[in-house]
């Protein structure tokens, strides 16, 4: 199953890139992520709960950063996760490319090639695609909120 999603982030490209390369921070923006743990350089374990159709899946697995190219603002990652309870899983390779639209606006394109196995695959492409788009939309909003914050804001209110 192939997905292509594009979102605009109201922040400079270097700020977006720097944030996206900190996987532990990025995980805080992904809806449903409950935990993320580093397993060494560019390998992470995690847990994500996602409602798909009538069930909630608990995907536990690993994310690996396969490549990072800061000059091109391009990265590739692979995620593998399973839910033993529903006997299903997901394997996905994601390619992310950032494009500077102007000094304060960055486009993020994410191309995902996903294989959905077991009972999860029974939901069909339309349901899974809608859920993926919903997650990406929420992720983009949270990411925008995080990277577009003025660093001085925290100091202004005394925190």
N, C-alpha and C. Protein backbone atom coordinates (compact mmCIF):
# COMPACT_ATOMS: atom_id res chain seq x y z
N UNK A 1 0.85 -1.15 0.00
CA UNK A 1 0.00 0.00 0.00
C UNK A 1 0.91 1.23 0.00
N UNK A 2 0.70 2.13 -0.96
CA UNK A 2 1.52 3.33 -1.08
C UNK A 2 0.73 4.54 -0.62
N UNK A 3 1.37 5.37 0.18
CA UNK A 3 0.78 6.62 0.65
C UNK A 3 1.73 7.75 0.30
N UNK A 4 1.17 8.87 -0.11
CA UNK A 4 1.98 10.07 -0.28
C UNK A 4 1.24 11.21 0.41
N UNK A 5 1.94 11.84 1.34
CA UNK A 5 1.32 12.91 2.09
C UNK A 5 2.24 14.13 2.07
N UNK A 6 1.64 15.30 1.96
CA UNK A 6 2.38 16.56 1.97
C UNK A 6 1.72 17.50 2.97
N UNK A 7 2.55 18.14 3.75
CA UNK A 7 2.05 19.13 4.70
C UNK A 7 3.01 20.31 4.72
N UNK A 8 2.47 21.47 5.05
CA UNK A 8 3.30 22.66 5.18
C UNK A 8 3.49 22.97 6.65
N UNK A 9 4.74 23.25 7.01
CA UNK A 9 5.11 23.55 8.39
C UNK A 9 5.57 25.01 8.43
N UNK A 10 4.93 25.86 9.24
CA UNK A 10 5.30 27.27 9.29
C UNK A 10 6.57 27.51 10.12
N UNK A 11 7.69 27.06 9.57
CA UNK A 11 8.98 27.21 10.24
C UNK A 11 10.08 27.08 9.18
N UNK A 12 11.26 27.63 9.47
CA UNK A 12 12.38 27.50 8.54
C UNK A 12 12.81 26.05 8.38
N UNK A 13 13.29 25.70 7.20
CA UNK A 13 13.64 24.32 6.87
C UNK A 13 14.65 23.73 7.84
N UNK A 14 15.66 24.50 8.26
CA UNK A 14 16.68 23.96 9.17
C UNK A 14 16.09 23.63 10.53
N UNK A 15 15.14 24.44 11.00
CA UNK A 15 14.49 24.16 12.29
C UNK A 15 13.67 22.87 12.20
N UNK A 16 12.95 22.71 11.08
CA UNK A 16 12.14 21.51 10.90
C UNK A 16 13.05 20.28 10.81
N UNK A 17 14.12 20.37 10.01
CA UNK A 17 15.05 19.24 9.84
C UNK A 17 15.65 18.84 11.19
N UNK A 18 16.15 19.81 11.93
CA UNK A 18 16.78 19.52 13.22
C UNK A 18 15.81 18.81 14.15
N UNK A 19 14.58 19.29 14.20
CA UNK A 19 13.58 18.67 15.06
C UNK A 19 13.27 17.25 14.60
N UNK A 20 13.08 17.06 13.30
CA UNK A 20 12.72 15.74 12.77
C UNK A 20 13.82 14.70 12.95
N UNK A 21 15.05 15.12 13.07
CA UNK A 21 16.15 14.17 13.24
C UNK A 21 16.34 13.76 14.70
N UNK A 22 15.57 14.35 15.60
CA UNK A 22 15.56 13.94 17.01
C UNK A 22 14.34 13.03 17.21
N UNK A 23 14.52 11.75 16.98
CA UNK A 23 13.41 10.80 16.95
C UNK A 23 12.61 10.79 18.24
N UNK A 24 13.28 10.92 19.37
CA UNK A 24 12.56 10.92 20.65
C UNK A 24 11.62 12.12 20.75
N UNK A 25 12.05 13.26 20.23
CA UNK A 25 11.18 14.45 20.24
C UNK A 25 10.05 14.30 19.23
N UNK A 26 10.37 13.79 18.06
CA UNK A 26 9.35 13.61 17.02
C UNK A 26 8.24 12.68 17.52
N UNK A 27 8.62 11.66 18.26
CA UNK A 27 7.64 10.69 18.77
C UNK A 27 6.57 11.37 19.61
N UNK A 28 6.91 12.47 20.28
CA UNK A 28 5.92 13.18 21.09
C UNK A 28 4.85 13.84 20.24
N UNK A 29 5.09 13.97 18.96
CA UNK A 29 4.13 14.58 18.04
C UNK A 29 3.26 13.56 17.32
N UNK A 30 3.60 12.29 17.40
CA UNK A 30 2.86 11.26 16.67
C UNK A 30 1.69 10.78 17.53
N UNK A 31 0.45 10.96 17.04
CA UNK A 31 -0.70 10.51 17.81
C UNK A 31 -0.63 9.02 18.11
N UNK A 32 -0.86 8.67 19.37
CA UNK A 32 -0.90 7.27 19.76
C UNK A 32 0.40 6.70 20.27
N UNK A 33 1.51 7.39 20.06
CA UNK A 33 2.79 6.87 20.56
C UNK A 33 2.81 6.99 22.07
N UNK A 34 3.01 5.85 22.73
CA UNK A 34 3.03 5.83 24.19
C UNK A 34 4.44 5.75 24.75
N UNK A 35 5.37 5.18 23.97
CA UNK A 35 6.74 5.12 24.46
C UNK A 35 7.70 5.00 23.29
N UNK A 36 8.92 5.48 23.53
CA UNK A 36 10.00 5.35 22.56
C UNK A 36 11.30 5.23 23.35
N UNK A 37 12.12 4.25 22.97
CA UNK A 37 13.37 3.99 23.68
C UNK A 37 14.46 3.78 22.64
N UNK A 38 15.59 4.44 22.85
CA UNK A 38 16.72 4.26 21.94
C UNK A 38 17.36 2.90 22.18
N UNK A 39 17.66 2.20 21.08
CA UNK A 39 18.34 0.91 21.14
C UNK A 39 19.71 1.01 20.49
N UNK A 40 20.30 2.17 20.53
CA UNK A 40 21.59 2.38 19.88
C UNK A 40 21.41 3.34 18.73
N UNK A 41 22.49 3.57 18.03
CA UNK A 41 22.47 4.57 16.96
C UNK A 41 21.42 4.25 15.89
N UNK A 42 20.48 5.17 15.74
CA UNK A 42 19.44 5.11 14.71
C UNK A 42 18.51 3.91 14.80
N UNK A 43 18.37 3.32 16.00
CA UNK A 43 17.41 2.24 16.23
C UNK A 43 16.60 2.58 17.48
N UNK A 44 15.29 2.40 17.37
CA UNK A 44 14.40 2.77 18.46
C UNK A 44 13.31 1.71 18.60
N UNK A 45 12.94 1.44 19.83
CA UNK A 45 11.80 0.58 20.11
C UNK A 45 10.66 1.45 20.56
N UNK A 46 9.44 1.02 20.28
CA UNK A 46 8.32 1.85 20.69
C UNK A 46 7.01 1.10 20.76
N UNK A 47 6.03 1.81 21.31
CA UNK A 47 4.67 1.30 21.45
C UNK A 47 3.71 2.39 21.01
N UNK A 48 2.74 1.99 20.18
CA UNK A 48 1.76 2.94 19.65
C UNK A 48 0.38 2.29 19.70
N UNK A 49 -0.60 3.01 20.20
CA UNK A 49 -1.99 2.54 20.19
C UNK A 49 -2.75 3.35 19.15
N UNK A 50 -3.48 2.61 18.29
CA UNK A 50 -4.21 3.26 17.21
C UNK A 50 -5.56 2.58 17.05
N UNK A 51 -6.60 3.40 16.96
CA UNK A 51 -7.93 2.87 16.66
C UNK A 51 -8.08 2.75 15.16
N UNK A 52 -8.35 1.54 14.69
CA UNK A 52 -8.58 1.30 13.27
C UNK A 52 -9.91 0.58 13.17
N UNK A 53 -10.85 1.23 12.52
CA UNK A 53 -12.18 0.65 12.45
C UNK A 53 -12.70 0.43 13.86
N UNK A 54 -13.24 -0.74 14.13
CA UNK A 54 -13.86 -0.98 15.44
C UNK A 54 -12.90 -1.44 16.53
N UNK A 55 -11.60 -1.57 16.23
CA UNK A 55 -10.69 -2.07 17.25
C UNK A 55 -9.54 -1.10 17.52
N UNK A 56 -8.92 -1.26 18.67
CA UNK A 56 -7.72 -0.50 19.01
C UNK A 56 -6.56 -1.49 18.96
N UNK A 57 -5.55 -1.15 18.16
CA UNK A 57 -4.38 -2.01 18.06
C UNK A 57 -3.26 -1.41 18.89
N UNK A 58 -2.44 -2.31 19.41
CA UNK A 58 -1.29 -1.94 20.23
C UNK A 58 -0.05 -2.43 19.48
N UNK A 59 0.51 -1.54 18.67
CA UNK A 59 1.64 -1.89 17.83
C UNK A 59 2.95 -1.70 18.60
N UNK A 60 3.69 -2.78 18.72
CA UNK A 60 4.97 -2.73 19.41
C UNK A 60 6.04 -3.16 18.41
N UNK A 61 7.10 -2.36 18.32
CA UNK A 61 8.10 -2.72 17.33
C UNK A 61 9.31 -1.83 17.34
N UNK A 62 9.93 -1.74 16.16
CA UNK A 62 11.20 -1.03 16.03
C UNK A 62 11.16 -0.07 14.84
N UNK A 63 11.82 1.06 15.01
CA UNK A 63 12.02 2.04 13.96
C UNK A 63 13.51 2.17 13.74
N UNK A 64 13.94 2.09 12.49
CA UNK A 64 15.35 2.28 12.14
C UNK A 64 15.46 3.41 11.15
N UNK A 65 16.40 4.31 11.41
CA UNK A 65 16.71 5.36 10.45
C UNK A 65 17.72 4.74 9.48
N UNK A 66 17.31 4.60 8.23
CA UNK A 66 18.15 3.95 7.23
C UNK A 66 19.15 4.93 6.61
N UNK A 67 18.71 6.18 6.42
CA UNK A 67 19.61 7.18 5.85
C UNK A 67 19.15 8.57 6.23
N UNK A 68 20.13 9.48 6.30
CA UNK A 68 19.87 10.90 6.56
C UNK A 68 20.78 11.68 5.63
N UNK A 69 20.23 12.64 4.93
CA UNK A 69 21.03 13.50 4.08
C UNK A 69 20.64 14.94 4.40
N UNK A 70 21.43 15.59 5.23
CA UNK A 70 21.08 16.93 5.67
C UNK A 70 21.19 17.95 4.54
N UNK A 71 22.06 17.72 3.58
CA UNK A 71 22.20 18.66 2.46
C UNK A 71 20.92 18.69 1.62
N UNK A 72 20.31 17.52 1.41
CA UNK A 72 19.08 17.42 0.62
C UNK A 72 17.82 17.42 1.49
N UNK A 73 18.00 17.46 2.81
CA UNK A 73 16.87 17.39 3.75
C UNK A 73 15.99 16.19 3.41
N UNK A 74 16.64 15.03 3.35
CA UNK A 74 15.97 13.79 2.97
C UNK A 74 16.38 12.69 3.95
N UNK A 75 15.40 11.90 4.40
CA UNK A 75 15.69 10.78 5.30
C UNK A 75 14.79 9.61 4.95
N UNK A 76 15.29 8.42 5.25
CA UNK A 76 14.49 7.21 5.03
C UNK A 76 14.51 6.39 6.30
N UNK A 77 13.34 5.87 6.67
CA UNK A 77 13.18 5.09 7.89
C UNK A 77 12.36 3.84 7.59
N UNK A 78 12.56 2.84 8.43
CA UNK A 78 11.78 1.60 8.30
C UNK A 78 11.21 1.26 9.67
N UNK A 79 9.92 0.99 9.68
CA UNK A 79 9.23 0.61 10.92
C UNK A 79 8.64 -0.78 10.76
N UNK A 80 8.77 -1.58 11.80
CA UNK A 80 8.17 -2.91 11.84
C UNK A 80 7.51 -3.05 13.21
N UNK A 81 6.22 -3.37 13.20
CA UNK A 81 5.50 -3.47 14.47
C UNK A 81 4.40 -4.51 14.37
N UNK A 82 4.11 -5.13 15.50
CA UNK A 82 3.06 -6.14 15.54
C UNK A 82 2.15 -5.93 16.75
N UNK A 83 0.96 -6.45 16.63
CA UNK A 83 0.03 -6.53 17.75
C UNK A 83 -0.32 -8.00 17.89
N UNK A 84 0.21 -8.62 18.91
CA UNK A 84 0.00 -10.06 19.09
C UNK A 84 -1.46 -10.39 19.40
N UNK A 85 -2.12 -9.48 20.09
CA UNK A 85 -3.51 -9.73 20.49
C UNK A 85 -4.42 -9.87 19.26
N UNK A 86 -4.25 -8.98 18.29
CA UNK A 86 -5.10 -9.06 17.09
C UNK A 86 -4.42 -9.83 15.96
N UNK A 87 -3.23 -10.33 16.23
CA UNK A 87 -2.49 -11.12 15.25
C UNK A 87 -2.35 -10.38 13.92
N UNK A 88 -1.71 -9.23 14.02
CA UNK A 88 -1.47 -8.44 12.82
C UNK A 88 -0.24 -7.58 12.98
N UNK A 89 0.17 -6.98 11.91
CA UNK A 89 1.34 -6.14 11.99
C UNK A 89 1.46 -5.23 10.78
N UNK A 90 2.46 -4.35 10.88
CA UNK A 90 2.73 -3.39 9.83
C UNK A 90 4.23 -3.32 9.62
N UNK A 91 4.62 -3.30 8.37
CA UNK A 91 6.00 -3.02 7.98
C UNK A 91 5.92 -1.85 7.01
N UNK A 92 6.69 -0.81 7.26
CA UNK A 92 6.60 0.37 6.41
C UNK A 92 7.98 1.00 6.21
N UNK A 93 8.21 1.43 4.99
CA UNK A 93 9.40 2.22 4.68
C UNK A 93 8.92 3.61 4.32
N UNK A 94 9.45 4.59 5.04
CA UNK A 94 9.04 5.97 4.82
C UNK A 94 10.22 6.79 4.31
N UNK A 95 9.96 7.58 3.28
CA UNK A 95 10.95 8.53 2.77
C UNK A 95 10.39 9.91 2.97
N UNK A 96 11.16 10.75 3.66
CA UNK A 96 10.74 12.10 3.97
C UNK A 96 11.67 13.08 3.26
N UNK A 97 11.08 14.07 2.61
CA UNK A 97 11.84 15.12 1.94
C UNK A 97 11.27 16.46 2.36
N UNK A 98 12.15 17.36 2.77
CA UNK A 98 11.73 18.72 3.11
C UNK A 98 12.10 19.64 1.95
N UNK A 99 11.21 20.60 1.67
CA UNK A 99 11.46 21.60 0.63
C UNK A 99 11.17 22.96 1.22
N UNK A 100 12.09 23.88 1.04
CA UNK A 100 11.88 25.24 1.53
C UNK A 100 10.96 25.98 0.56
N UNK A 101 9.80 26.41 1.04
CA UNK A 101 8.87 27.17 0.22
C UNK A 101 9.20 28.65 0.31
N UNK A 102 9.58 29.10 1.49
CA UNK A 102 10.15 30.43 1.71
C UNK A 102 10.90 30.38 3.04
N UNK A 103 11.45 31.47 3.47
CA UNK A 103 12.32 31.46 4.66
C UNK A 103 11.60 30.99 5.92
N UNK A 104 10.27 31.07 5.94
CA UNK A 104 9.53 30.70 7.14
C UNK A 104 8.50 29.60 6.89
N UNK A 105 8.59 28.91 5.75
CA UNK A 105 7.61 27.88 5.43
C UNK A 105 8.31 26.70 4.74
N UNK A 106 8.07 25.51 5.29
CA UNK A 106 8.70 24.28 4.78
C UNK A 106 7.62 23.28 4.41
N UNK A 107 7.79 22.65 3.25
CA UNK A 107 6.90 21.55 2.88
C UNK A 107 7.58 20.24 3.25
N UNK A 108 6.80 19.37 3.90
CA UNK A 108 7.29 18.03 4.21
C UNK A 108 6.47 17.05 3.39
N UNK A 109 7.18 16.24 2.60
CA UNK A 109 6.53 15.18 1.84
C UNK A 109 6.98 13.87 2.42
N UNK A 110 6.03 13.00 2.72
CA UNK A 110 6.33 11.68 3.24
C UNK A 110 5.70 10.65 2.31
N UNK A 111 6.56 9.81 1.72
CA UNK A 111 6.11 8.70 0.89
C UNK A 111 6.28 7.44 1.72
N UNK A 112 5.22 6.67 1.86
CA UNK A 112 5.24 5.46 2.67
C UNK A 112 4.82 4.26 1.84
N UNK A 113 5.63 3.24 1.92
CA UNK A 113 5.29 1.95 1.30
C UNK A 113 5.05 1.00 2.46
N UNK A 114 3.79 0.65 2.69
CA UNK A 114 3.42 -0.15 3.86
C UNK A 114 2.81 -1.48 3.46
N UNK A 115 3.12 -2.49 4.27
CA UNK A 115 2.50 -3.79 4.15
C UNK A 115 1.77 -4.04 5.46
N UNK A 116 0.48 -4.26 5.37
CA UNK A 116 -0.34 -4.51 6.56
C UNK A 116 -0.70 -5.98 6.54
N UNK A 117 -0.35 -6.68 7.62
CA UNK A 117 -0.49 -8.13 7.66
C UNK A 117 -1.53 -8.58 8.68
N UNK A 118 -1.99 -9.79 8.51
CA UNK A 118 -2.91 -10.40 9.47
C UNK A 118 -4.25 -9.73 9.48
N UNK A 119 -4.88 -9.73 10.64
CA UNK A 119 -6.23 -9.18 10.77
C UNK A 119 -6.29 -7.70 10.45
N UNK A 120 -5.19 -6.99 10.67
CA UNK A 120 -5.19 -5.56 10.35
C UNK A 120 -5.43 -5.34 8.86
N UNK A 121 -4.87 -6.22 8.05
CA UNK A 121 -5.04 -6.10 6.62
C UNK A 121 -6.46 -6.31 6.15
N UNK A 122 -7.29 -6.90 6.98
CA UNK A 122 -8.68 -7.15 6.63
C UNK A 122 -9.52 -5.88 6.56
N UNK A 123 -9.02 -4.79 7.15
CA UNK A 123 -9.80 -3.55 7.15
C UNK A 123 -9.84 -2.91 5.77
N UNK A 124 -8.88 -3.21 4.93
CA UNK A 124 -8.88 -2.68 3.57
C UNK A 124 -8.23 -1.32 3.46
N UNK A 125 -7.86 -1.03 2.25
CA UNK A 125 -7.12 0.21 1.98
C UNK A 125 -7.86 1.48 2.35
N UNK A 126 -9.14 1.62 2.04
CA UNK A 126 -9.80 2.90 2.34
C UNK A 126 -9.76 3.25 3.83
N UNK A 127 -10.01 2.29 4.70
CA UNK A 127 -10.01 2.57 6.14
C UNK A 127 -8.58 2.87 6.61
N UNK A 128 -7.63 2.09 6.17
CA UNK A 128 -6.24 2.30 6.59
C UNK A 128 -5.72 3.63 6.04
N UNK A 129 -6.05 3.95 4.80
CA UNK A 129 -5.61 5.22 4.21
C UNK A 129 -6.19 6.41 4.97
N UNK A 130 -7.48 6.34 5.31
CA UNK A 130 -8.10 7.43 6.09
C UNK A 130 -7.39 7.61 7.43
N UNK A 131 -7.08 6.49 8.08
CA UNK A 131 -6.41 6.56 9.38
C UNK A 131 -5.01 7.14 9.23
N UNK A 132 -4.29 6.72 8.20
CA UNK A 132 -2.94 7.25 7.97
C UNK A 132 -3.00 8.76 7.70
N UNK A 133 -3.97 9.20 6.91
CA UNK A 133 -4.11 10.63 6.63
C UNK A 133 -4.45 11.41 7.91
N UNK A 134 -5.31 10.83 8.74
CA UNK A 134 -5.69 11.47 10.00
C UNK A 134 -4.47 11.60 10.93
N UNK A 135 -3.70 10.53 11.04
CA UNK A 135 -2.50 10.57 11.88
C UNK A 135 -1.52 11.61 11.35
N UNK A 136 -1.32 11.66 10.03
CA UNK A 136 -0.39 12.63 9.45
C UNK A 136 -0.86 14.06 9.69
N UNK A 137 -2.15 14.29 9.57
CA UNK A 137 -2.68 15.63 9.79
C UNK A 137 -2.45 16.07 11.25
N UNK A 138 -2.73 15.18 12.19
CA UNK A 138 -2.51 15.51 13.60
C UNK A 138 -1.02 15.67 13.89
N UNK A 139 -0.19 14.81 13.31
CA UNK A 139 1.26 14.91 13.48
C UNK A 139 1.76 16.25 12.95
N UNK A 140 1.31 16.64 11.76
CA UNK A 140 1.75 17.91 11.17
C UNK A 140 1.37 19.09 12.04
N UNK A 141 0.18 19.05 12.62
CA UNK A 141 -0.25 20.15 13.49
C UNK A 141 0.62 20.23 14.74
N UNK A 142 0.87 19.08 15.36
CA UNK A 142 1.70 19.05 16.56
C UNK A 142 3.14 19.46 16.24
N UNK A 143 3.64 18.99 15.10
CA UNK A 143 4.98 19.37 14.67
C UNK A 143 5.06 20.87 14.44
N UNK A 144 4.07 21.41 13.74
CA UNK A 144 4.03 22.86 13.50
C UNK A 144 4.03 23.64 14.80
N UNK A 145 3.21 23.19 15.75
CA UNK A 145 3.15 23.86 17.04
C UNK A 145 4.51 23.85 17.73
N UNK A 146 5.20 22.72 17.67
CA UNK A 146 6.50 22.58 18.35
C UNK A 146 7.60 23.40 17.70
N UNK A 147 7.75 23.32 16.38
CA UNK A 147 8.89 23.98 15.75
C UNK A 147 8.65 25.45 15.46
N UNK A 148 7.40 25.89 15.44
CA UNK A 148 7.15 27.30 15.16
C UNK A 148 7.07 28.15 16.42
N UNK A 149 7.17 27.50 17.59
CA UNK A 149 7.20 28.24 18.85
C UNK A 149 8.43 29.13 18.92
N UNK A 150 8.23 30.32 19.39
CA UNK A 150 9.36 31.22 19.61
C UNK A 150 10.13 30.73 20.82
N UNK A 151 11.43 30.46 20.71
CA UNK A 151 12.19 29.95 21.85
C UNK A 151 12.09 30.84 23.09
N UNK A 152 11.84 32.11 22.91
CA UNK A 152 11.72 33.02 24.05
C UNK A 152 10.40 32.93 24.77
N UNK A 153 9.41 32.27 24.18
CA UNK A 153 8.09 32.17 24.81
C UNK A 153 8.13 31.53 26.17
N UNK A 154 8.93 30.49 26.35
CA UNK A 154 8.99 29.80 27.63
C UNK A 154 9.52 30.72 28.72
N UNK A 155 10.47 31.56 28.36
CA UNK A 155 11.03 32.49 29.34
C UNK A 155 10.05 33.61 29.69
N UNK A 156 9.23 34.00 28.74
CA UNK A 156 8.32 35.12 28.96
C UNK A 156 7.30 34.84 30.04
N UNK A 157 6.87 33.60 30.21
CA UNK A 157 5.88 33.30 31.23
C UNK A 157 6.48 32.71 32.49
N UNK A 158 7.81 32.73 32.55
CA UNK A 158 8.46 32.29 33.77
C UNK A 158 8.73 30.81 33.85
N UNK A 159 8.48 30.04 32.78
CA UNK A 159 8.74 28.60 32.82
C UNK A 159 10.09 28.27 32.24
